[in-house]
Amino acid sequence: MEKTVISHCRYLRTKMAYLADEEDSHMWRTNKSSTANYWCLCTMGAAGPDDNLVVPERCQASRSCYKEIDLV
């Protein structure tokens, strides 16, 4: 079984991150929760340094504040 590499900004956080289970420790980054609240570690708010919304689908390489972290 081939693993898929998912890339999100290393500054992306949510409360779910601290409740991860060992089998899918990065599930919170895949936006599987409809109730998760996300924040940026740089601003400690719902907007990143570029004033755009902080959510997994937007915290990608196209943003000027993005810092890569590869997850398998």
N, C-alpha and C. Protein backbone atom coordinates (compact mmCIF):
# COMPACT_ATOMS: atom_id res chain seq x y z
N MET A 1 0.84 -1.19 0.00
CA MET A 1 0.00 0.00 0.00
C MET A 1 0.88 1.25 0.00
N GLU A 2 0.69 2.09 -0.99
CA GLU A 2 1.47 3.31 -1.11
C GLU A 2 0.87 4.41 -0.25
N LYS A 3 1.74 5.11 0.49
CA LYS A 3 1.26 6.19 1.35
C LYS A 3 1.23 7.49 0.56
N THR A 4 0.22 8.30 0.82
CA THR A 4 0.07 9.59 0.17
C THR A 4 0.70 10.66 1.05
N VAL A 5 1.50 11.54 0.43
CA VAL A 5 2.11 12.63 1.17
C VAL A 5 1.16 13.82 1.11
N ILE A 6 0.84 14.35 2.27
CA ILE A 6 -0.03 15.52 2.37
C ILE A 6 0.82 16.66 2.89
N SER A 7 0.71 17.81 2.28
CA SER A 7 1.50 18.94 2.72
C SER A 7 0.60 20.07 3.21
N HIS A 8 0.89 20.54 4.40
CA HIS A 8 0.21 21.69 4.99
C HIS A 8 1.25 22.54 5.69
N CYS A 9 0.88 23.75 5.98
CA CYS A 9 1.79 24.66 6.67
C CYS A 9 2.08 24.16 8.08
N ARG A 10 3.33 24.25 8.49
CA ARG A 10 3.72 23.80 9.83
C ARG A 10 3.13 24.66 10.93
N TYR A 11 2.61 25.84 10.61
CA TYR A 11 2.05 26.73 11.62
C TYR A 11 0.54 26.52 11.83
N LEU A 12 -0.06 25.65 11.05
CA LEU A 12 -1.50 25.36 11.17
C LEU A 12 -1.76 24.52 12.42
N ARG A 13 -2.73 24.93 13.23
CA ARG A 13 -3.06 24.18 14.45
C ARG A 13 -4.57 24.17 14.68
N THR A 14 -5.01 23.17 15.43
CA THR A 14 -6.38 23.05 15.89
C THR A 14 -6.36 22.27 17.19
N LYS A 15 -7.38 22.41 17.98
CA LYS A 15 -7.45 21.68 19.24
C LYS A 15 -7.42 20.17 19.00
N MET A 16 -7.96 19.73 17.88
CA MET A 16 -7.95 18.31 17.54
C MET A 16 -6.53 17.75 17.44
N ALA A 17 -5.54 18.58 17.18
CA ALA A 17 -4.16 18.13 17.01
C ALA A 17 -3.64 17.42 18.24
N TYR A 18 -4.13 17.74 19.37
CA TYR A 18 -3.64 17.18 20.61
C TYR A 18 -4.42 15.94 21.03
N LEU A 19 -5.34 15.51 20.19
CA LEU A 19 -6.14 14.34 20.48
C LEU A 19 -5.95 13.25 19.42
N ALA A 20 -4.89 13.35 18.68
CA ALA A 20 -4.66 12.42 17.57
C ALA A 20 -4.39 11.00 18.06
N ASP A 21 -4.86 10.02 17.29
CA ASP A 21 -4.55 8.64 17.64
C ASP A 21 -3.34 8.20 16.81
N GLU A 22 -2.69 7.14 17.22
CA GLU A 22 -1.44 6.72 16.60
C GLU A 22 -1.59 6.30 15.15
N GLU A 23 -2.70 5.69 14.79
CA GLU A 23 -2.88 5.21 13.42
C GLU A 23 -3.05 6.34 12.42
N ASP A 24 -3.68 7.41 12.80
CA ASP A 24 -3.93 8.54 11.90
C ASP A 24 -3.59 9.82 12.65
N SER A 25 -2.32 9.96 13.01
CA SER A 25 -1.91 11.06 13.88
C SER A 25 -2.03 12.44 13.25
N HIS A 26 -2.24 12.52 11.96
CA HIS A 26 -2.37 13.81 11.31
C HIS A 26 -3.76 14.01 10.70
N MET A 27 -4.75 13.23 11.18
CA MET A 27 -6.11 13.32 10.67
C MET A 27 -6.64 14.75 10.73
N TRP A 28 -6.31 15.47 11.78
CA TRP A 28 -6.82 16.83 11.96
C TRP A 28 -6.42 17.76 10.82
N ARG A 29 -5.32 17.46 10.14
CA ARG A 29 -4.87 18.30 9.03
C ARG A 29 -5.65 18.03 7.75
N THR A 30 -6.42 16.96 7.70
CA THR A 30 -7.13 16.58 6.48
C THR A 30 -8.54 17.16 6.42
N ASN A 31 -8.89 17.99 7.39
CA ASN A 31 -10.17 18.68 7.40
C ASN A 31 -11.34 17.71 7.48
N LYS A 32 -11.20 16.62 8.25
CA LYS A 32 -12.27 15.64 8.39
C LYS A 32 -13.32 16.06 9.41
N SER A 33 -13.08 17.11 10.14
CA SER A 33 -14.04 17.58 11.13
C SER A 33 -14.76 18.82 10.61
N SER A 34 -16.07 18.82 10.76
CA SER A 34 -16.84 19.99 10.33
C SER A 34 -16.94 21.03 11.45
N THR A 35 -16.42 20.72 12.64
CA THR A 35 -16.55 21.64 13.77
C THR A 35 -15.20 22.14 14.30
N ALA A 36 -14.11 21.77 13.66
CA ALA A 36 -12.78 22.17 14.13
C ALA A 36 -12.56 23.68 13.96
N ASN A 37 -11.89 24.28 14.92
CA ASN A 37 -11.46 25.67 14.83
C ASN A 37 -9.95 25.67 14.65
N TYR A 38 -9.47 26.37 13.62
CA TYR A 38 -8.04 26.40 13.30
C TYR A 38 -7.45 27.75 13.65
N TRP A 39 -6.13 27.76 13.94
CA TRP A 39 -5.42 29.01 14.14
C TRP A 39 -4.00 28.86 13.63
N CYS A 40 -3.35 29.99 13.47
CA CYS A 40 -1.97 30.06 12.99
C CYS A 40 -1.06 30.31 14.19
N LEU A 41 0.02 29.55 14.29
CA LEU A 41 0.96 29.76 15.38
C LEU A 41 1.71 31.09 15.27
N CYS A 42 1.78 31.65 14.07
CA CYS A 42 2.46 32.94 13.90
C CYS A 42 1.63 34.09 14.45
N THR A 43 0.32 34.04 14.25
CA THR A 43 -0.55 35.14 14.66
C THR A 43 -1.40 34.79 15.87
N MET A 44 -1.49 33.50 16.18
CA MET A 44 -2.35 32.99 17.25
C MET A 44 -3.81 33.37 17.02
N GLY A 45 -4.19 33.50 15.76
CA GLY A 45 -5.56 33.86 15.40
C GLY A 45 -6.04 33.07 14.20
N ALA A 46 -7.26 33.37 13.78
CA ALA A 46 -7.90 32.69 12.67
C ALA A 46 -7.42 33.17 11.30
N ALA A 47 -6.59 34.20 11.29
CA ALA A 47 -5.99 34.70 10.05
C ALA A 47 -4.48 34.56 10.16
N GLY A 48 -3.85 34.23 9.05
CA GLY A 48 -2.40 34.11 9.03
C GLY A 48 -1.73 35.47 8.88
N PRO A 49 -0.40 35.51 8.81
CA PRO A 49 0.33 36.76 8.64
C PRO A 49 -0.06 37.51 7.36
N ASP A 50 -0.60 36.78 6.39
CA ASP A 50 -1.04 37.40 5.13
C ASP A 50 -2.51 37.84 5.18
N ASP A 51 -3.11 37.79 6.36
CA ASP A 51 -4.51 38.19 6.60
C ASP A 51 -5.54 37.30 5.92
N ASN A 52 -5.17 36.11 5.51
CA ASN A 52 -6.11 35.14 4.94
C ASN A 52 -6.50 34.11 5.98
N LEU A 53 -7.67 33.50 5.78
CA LEU A 53 -8.23 32.53 6.70
C LEU A 53 -7.30 31.32 6.89
N VAL A 54 -7.25 30.82 8.11
CA VAL A 54 -6.42 29.66 8.46
C VAL A 54 -7.30 28.40 8.49
N VAL A 55 -7.21 27.59 7.46
CA VAL A 55 -7.88 26.29 7.35
C VAL A 55 -6.98 25.40 6.49
N PRO A 56 -7.05 24.08 6.66
CA PRO A 56 -6.14 23.19 5.93
C PRO A 56 -6.14 23.39 4.40
N GLU A 57 -7.31 23.56 3.83
CA GLU A 57 -7.35 23.70 2.36
C GLU A 57 -6.77 25.01 1.86
N ARG A 58 -6.59 25.99 2.72
CA ARG A 58 -6.00 27.27 2.31
C ARG A 58 -4.55 27.44 2.75
N CYS A 59 -4.12 26.69 3.75
CA CYS A 59 -2.75 26.81 4.26
C CYS A 59 -1.83 25.95 3.41
N GLN A 60 -1.60 26.41 2.18
CA GLN A 60 -0.85 25.68 1.17
C GLN A 60 0.31 26.53 0.65
N ALA A 61 1.12 25.95 -0.21
CA ALA A 61 2.34 26.59 -0.72
C ALA A 61 2.09 27.89 -1.47
N SER A 62 0.90 28.16 -1.90
CA SER A 62 0.61 29.40 -2.64
C SER A 62 0.62 30.64 -1.74
N ARG A 63 0.64 30.45 -0.42
CA ARG A 63 0.63 31.58 0.51
C ARG A 63 2.05 32.02 0.86
N SER A 64 2.24 33.32 1.02
CA SER A 64 3.57 33.86 1.30
C SER A 64 4.10 33.46 2.68
N CYS A 65 3.22 33.13 3.61
CA CYS A 65 3.62 32.78 4.98
C CYS A 65 3.82 31.27 5.18
N TYR A 66 3.58 30.48 4.15
CA TYR A 66 3.62 29.03 4.22
C TYR A 66 5.02 28.49 4.51
N LYS A 67 5.09 27.55 5.44
CA LYS A 67 6.32 26.79 5.72
C LYS A 67 5.94 25.33 5.67
N GLU A 68 6.56 24.58 4.77
CA GLU A 68 6.17 23.20 4.49
C GLU A 68 6.44 22.24 5.63
N ILE A 69 5.53 21.28 5.77
CA ILE A 69 5.73 20.10 6.61
C ILE A 69 5.09 18.95 5.84
N ASP A 70 5.85 17.89 5.59
CA ASP A 70 5.32 16.75 4.85
C ASP A 70 4.82 15.71 5.82
N LEU A 71 3.65 15.20 5.56
CA LEU A 71 3.02 14.18 6.39
C LEU A 71 2.76 12.96 5.53
N VAL A 72 2.95 11.81 6.07
CA VAL A 72 2.70 10.58 5.33
C VAL A 72 1.53 9.87 5.97
